[in-house]
Amino acid sequence: MDTKFSKVLLFINSLVPLALLSWDAYHKKLGANPYEFVTRTTGMLTLVFLMISLAVTPLRKISGWNFLVKFRRMLGLYAFFYGFLHLMTYIWFDRFFNFKSMAGDIIQRPFIAIGMASFFLLVPLAITSTNGMVKRLGGKRWNRLHKLVYLTAIGGVLHYYMIVKSDTRVPLTFAFVLALLLGYRIYAANQTPKLPVRSPIPPR
């Protein structure tokens, strides 16, 4: 398998949602509330890329497709990228860079605080995603740090659920998928490898 070509393909396809969103914005086809449409879309894309990146390890272990791990970093960075766009739509178009107003809004609406906390947990993961940072931190410390992605995903799903006021089917679907992905990790961590039983009498 040509990994380099596959990475380029993944990189381009991951930008397609942004290209479509930009096209609709340019042609003023974002509906009656463009701000809400952009906010919901970028937020959902953040969760989608988070879920796909978390699905890499189970898929790799179940299928034996070890090459999948080579795409996990890019998927995680795209989750950060769309999360950044999601945050910027709030700061720019809702608060107009009024940080004092933003502070009051965070206190009054807990789902914003949860969403921001989830995004900021992604920041150190994005910064330390390079091979150089893995070597600098060491494998064990790097792995421990990147377990923050679980908290990020939980916070992101909770943030989405708290925003939705009536039809909660989509955030609950994300919650179900996340429960499966985290449940698999708990199950796999508690599986002890079975060692072959040795006979006390050596064979003749």
Protein backbone atom coordinates (compact mmCIF):
# COMPACT_ATOMS: atom_id res chain seq x y z
CA MET A 1 0.00 0.00 0.00
CA ASP A 2 1.31 3.45 -0.95
CA THR A 3 1.12 5.22 2.40
CA LYS A 4 2.30 8.58 1.06
CA PHE A 5 -0.44 8.65 -1.61
CA SER A 6 -3.04 7.56 0.97
CA LYS A 7 -2.00 10.38 3.29
CA VAL A 8 -2.33 12.93 0.49
CA LEU A 9 -5.76 11.50 -0.34
CA LEU A 10 -6.82 11.70 3.31
CA PHE A 11 -5.49 15.25 3.60
CA ILE A 12 -7.48 16.43 0.56
CA ASN A 13 -10.69 14.61 1.47
CA SER A 14 -10.59 15.96 5.01
CA LEU A 15 -10.70 19.48 3.56
CA VAL A 16 -13.75 18.74 1.42
CA PRO A 17 -16.27 19.63 4.20
CA LEU A 18 -14.56 23.00 4.67
CA ALA A 19 -14.57 23.61 0.90
CA LEU A 20 -18.31 22.83 0.72
CA LEU A 21 -19.01 25.05 3.72
CA SER A 22 -17.01 27.90 2.16
CA TRP A 23 -18.84 27.43 -1.15
CA ASP A 24 -22.24 27.65 0.56
CA ALA A 25 -21.11 30.71 2.53
CA TYR A 26 -19.91 32.44 -0.64
CA HIS A 27 -23.24 31.74 -2.36
CA LYS A 28 -25.21 32.64 0.79
CA LYS A 29 -26.75 29.20 1.17
CA LEU A 30 -26.22 28.74 4.89
CA GLY A 31 -29.87 29.14 5.78
CA ALA A 32 -31.68 31.69 7.90
CA ASN A 33 -29.05 31.56 10.67
CA PRO A 34 -25.60 31.27 9.05
CA TYR A 35 -23.76 31.56 12.38
CA GLU A 36 -25.63 28.62 13.88
CA PHE A 37 -25.13 26.53 10.73
CA VAL A 38 -21.37 27.10 10.70
CA THR A 39 -21.08 26.52 14.43
CA ARG A 40 -23.01 23.24 14.33
CA THR A 41 -21.18 22.02 11.23
CA THR A 42 -17.67 22.70 12.52
CA GLY A 43 -18.57 21.23 15.92
CA MET A 44 -19.91 18.06 14.36
CA LEU A 45 -16.84 17.74 12.13
CA THR A 46 -14.65 18.00 15.23
CA LEU A 47 -16.50 15.09 16.82
CA VAL A 48 -16.44 13.05 13.62
CA PHE A 49 -12.66 13.33 13.29
CA LEU A 50 -12.22 12.61 16.99
CA MET A 51 -14.28 9.43 16.69
CA ILE A 52 -12.46 8.29 13.57
CA SER A 53 -9.06 8.88 15.21
CA LEU A 54 -10.18 6.91 18.28
CA ALA A 55 -11.42 4.11 16.03
CA VAL A 56 -7.96 3.54 14.55
CA THR A 57 -6.62 1.45 17.43
CA PRO A 58 -9.60 -0.95 17.69
CA LEU A 59 -9.73 -1.38 13.91
CA ARG A 60 -5.99 -2.01 13.77
CA LYS A 61 -6.06 -4.61 16.54
CA ILE A 62 -9.18 -6.39 15.31
CA SER A 63 -8.30 -6.42 11.61
CA GLY A 64 -4.51 -6.58 11.84
CA TRP A 65 -4.24 -3.56 9.50
CA ASN A 66 -1.27 -2.00 11.25
CA PHE A 67 -0.86 0.63 8.51
CA LEU A 68 -3.91 2.46 9.93
CA VAL A 69 -1.80 3.88 12.75
CA LYS A 70 0.03 6.03 10.18
CA PHE A 71 -3.15 8.05 9.60
CA ARG A 72 -4.11 8.62 13.24
CA ARG A 73 -1.98 11.73 13.68
CA MET A 74 -3.52 13.49 10.68
CA LEU A 75 -7.04 12.58 11.81
CA GLY A 76 -6.31 14.00 15.26
CA LEU A 77 -4.90 17.20 13.81
CA TYR A 78 -8.00 17.65 11.68
CA ALA A 79 -10.11 17.25 14.83
CA PHE A 80 -8.06 20.07 16.35
CA PHE A 81 -8.37 22.15 13.16
CA TYR A 82 -12.16 21.91 13.00
CA GLY A 83 -12.36 22.45 16.75
CA PHE A 84 -10.38 25.66 16.30
CA LEU A 85 -12.79 26.81 13.58
CA HIS A 86 -15.71 25.93 15.85
CA LEU A 87 -14.27 28.04 18.65
CA MET A 88 -13.47 30.94 16.32
CA THR A 89 -17.04 31.11 15.02
CA TYR A 90 -18.12 31.71 18.62
CA ILE A 91 -15.37 34.24 19.43
CA TRP A 92 -15.68 36.12 16.14
CA PHE A 93 -19.32 36.01 15.09
CA ASP A 94 -21.08 35.65 18.44
CA ARG A 95 -18.87 37.59 20.86
CA PHE A 96 -17.05 39.80 18.30
CA PHE A 97 -13.79 39.32 20.24
CA ASN A 98 -15.37 40.83 23.37
CA PHE A 99 -13.53 38.69 25.91
CA LYS A 100 -15.21 40.35 28.89
CA SER A 101 -18.60 39.40 27.49
CA MET A 102 -17.26 35.94 26.75
CA ALA A 103 -16.25 35.41 30.39
CA GLY A 104 -19.77 36.21 31.55
CA ASP A 105 -21.23 33.94 28.88
CA ILE A 106 -19.04 31.04 30.03
CA ILE A 107 -20.27 31.44 33.61
CA GLN A 108 -23.93 31.64 32.60
CA ARG A 109 -23.85 28.80 30.05
CA PRO A 110 -21.94 25.75 31.35
CA PHE A 111 -21.98 23.99 27.97
CA ILE A 112 -19.65 26.69 26.62
CA ALA A 113 -17.22 26.12 29.49
CA ILE A 114 -17.25 22.36 28.81
CA GLY A 115 -16.72 22.92 25.10
CA MET A 116 -13.80 25.29 25.65
CA ALA A 117 -12.18 22.99 28.19
CA SER A 118 -12.47 20.11 25.72
CA PHE A 119 -10.84 22.15 22.98
CA PHE A 120 -7.98 23.37 25.17
CA LEU A 121 -7.24 19.76 26.12
CA LEU A 122 -6.59 19.21 22.42
CA VAL A 123 -3.97 21.96 22.28
CA PRO A 124 -1.11 20.05 23.99
CA LEU A 125 -1.97 16.99 21.92
CA ALA A 126 -1.64 18.95 18.69
CA ILE A 127 1.61 20.59 19.84
CA THR A 128 3.18 17.24 20.77
CA SER A 129 2.01 15.36 17.67
CA THR A 130 5.40 15.51 15.90
CA ASN A 131 8.01 12.75 15.95
CA GLY A 132 10.44 15.18 17.57
CA MET A 133 8.09 15.76 20.51
CA VAL A 134 7.56 12.01 20.92
CA LYS A 135 11.33 11.57 21.28
CA ARG A 136 11.64 14.56 23.59
CA LEU A 137 8.86 13.43 25.94
CA GLY A 138 9.61 9.74 25.72
CA GLY A 139 7.12 7.09 24.66
CA LYS A 140 5.52 6.50 28.09
CA ARG A 141 5.02 10.17 28.95
CA TRP A 142 3.78 10.88 25.44
CA ASN A 143 1.21 8.07 25.70
CA ARG A 144 0.02 9.26 29.09
CA LEU A 145 -0.38 12.81 27.80
CA HIS A 146 -2.33 11.71 24.74
CA LYS A 147 -4.85 9.86 26.88
CA LEU A 148 -6.33 13.36 27.36
CA VAL A 149 -8.09 12.72 24.05
CA TYR A 150 -10.57 10.54 25.96
CA LEU A 151 -11.56 13.48 28.18
CA THR A 152 -11.74 15.70 25.12
CA ALA A 153 -14.12 13.32 23.36
CA ILE A 154 -16.32 12.90 26.45
CA GLY A 155 -16.45 16.68 26.96
CA GLY A 156 -17.19 17.27 23.27
CA VAL A 157 -20.12 14.85 23.25
CA LEU A 158 -21.47 16.31 26.51
CA HIS A 159 -21.09 19.83 25.07
CA TYR A 160 -23.09 18.81 21.99
CA TYR A 161 -25.79 17.10 24.07
CA MET A 162 -26.26 20.17 26.27
CA ILE A 163 -26.69 22.42 23.22
CA VAL A 164 -29.44 20.32 21.66
CA LYS A 165 -32.77 21.17 23.25
CA SER A 166 -35.19 18.76 21.59
CA ASP A 167 -33.92 16.11 19.18
CA THR A 168 -31.01 14.44 20.97
CA ARG A 169 -30.62 11.50 18.57
CA VAL A 170 -27.39 12.75 16.95
CA PRO A 171 -25.48 13.57 20.18
CA LEU A 172 -26.69 10.28 21.69
CA THR A 173 -25.38 8.47 18.61
CA PHE A 174 -21.99 10.09 19.17
CA ALA A 175 -22.22 9.05 22.84
CA PHE A 176 -22.98 5.45 21.83
CA VAL A 177 -20.04 5.31 19.41
CA LEU A 178 -17.72 6.82 22.02
CA ALA A 179 -18.92 4.31 24.63
CA LEU A 180 -18.07 1.46 22.24
CA LEU A 181 -14.60 2.86 21.51
CA LEU A 182 -13.76 3.46 25.18
CA GLY A 183 -15.40 0.18 26.20
CA TYR A 184 -13.17 -1.71 23.81
CA ARG A 185 -10.08 -0.10 25.34
CA ILE A 186 -11.19 -1.05 28.86
CA TYR A 187 -11.90 -4.60 27.72
CA ALA A 188 -8.55 -4.91 25.91
CA ALA A 189 -6.63 -3.49 28.89
CA ASN A 190 -8.11 -6.15 31.19
CA GLN A 191 -7.26 -9.06 28.93
CA THR A 192 -4.22 -10.91 30.26
CA PRO A 193 -2.26 -12.89 27.68
CA LYS A 194 -2.59 -16.63 28.18
CA LEU A 195 0.77 -18.28 28.65
CA PRO A 196 1.25 -21.87 27.48
CA VAL A 197 0.96 -24.41 30.27
CA ARG A 198 4.21 -26.27 30.72
CA SER A 199 4.31 -29.83 31.93
CA PRO A 200 6.35 -30.28 35.13
CA ILE A 201 7.85 -33.45 33.63
CA PRO A 202 10.07 -32.72 30.61
CA PRO A 203 9.16 -34.77 27.57
CA ARG A 204 11.46 -37.65 26.68
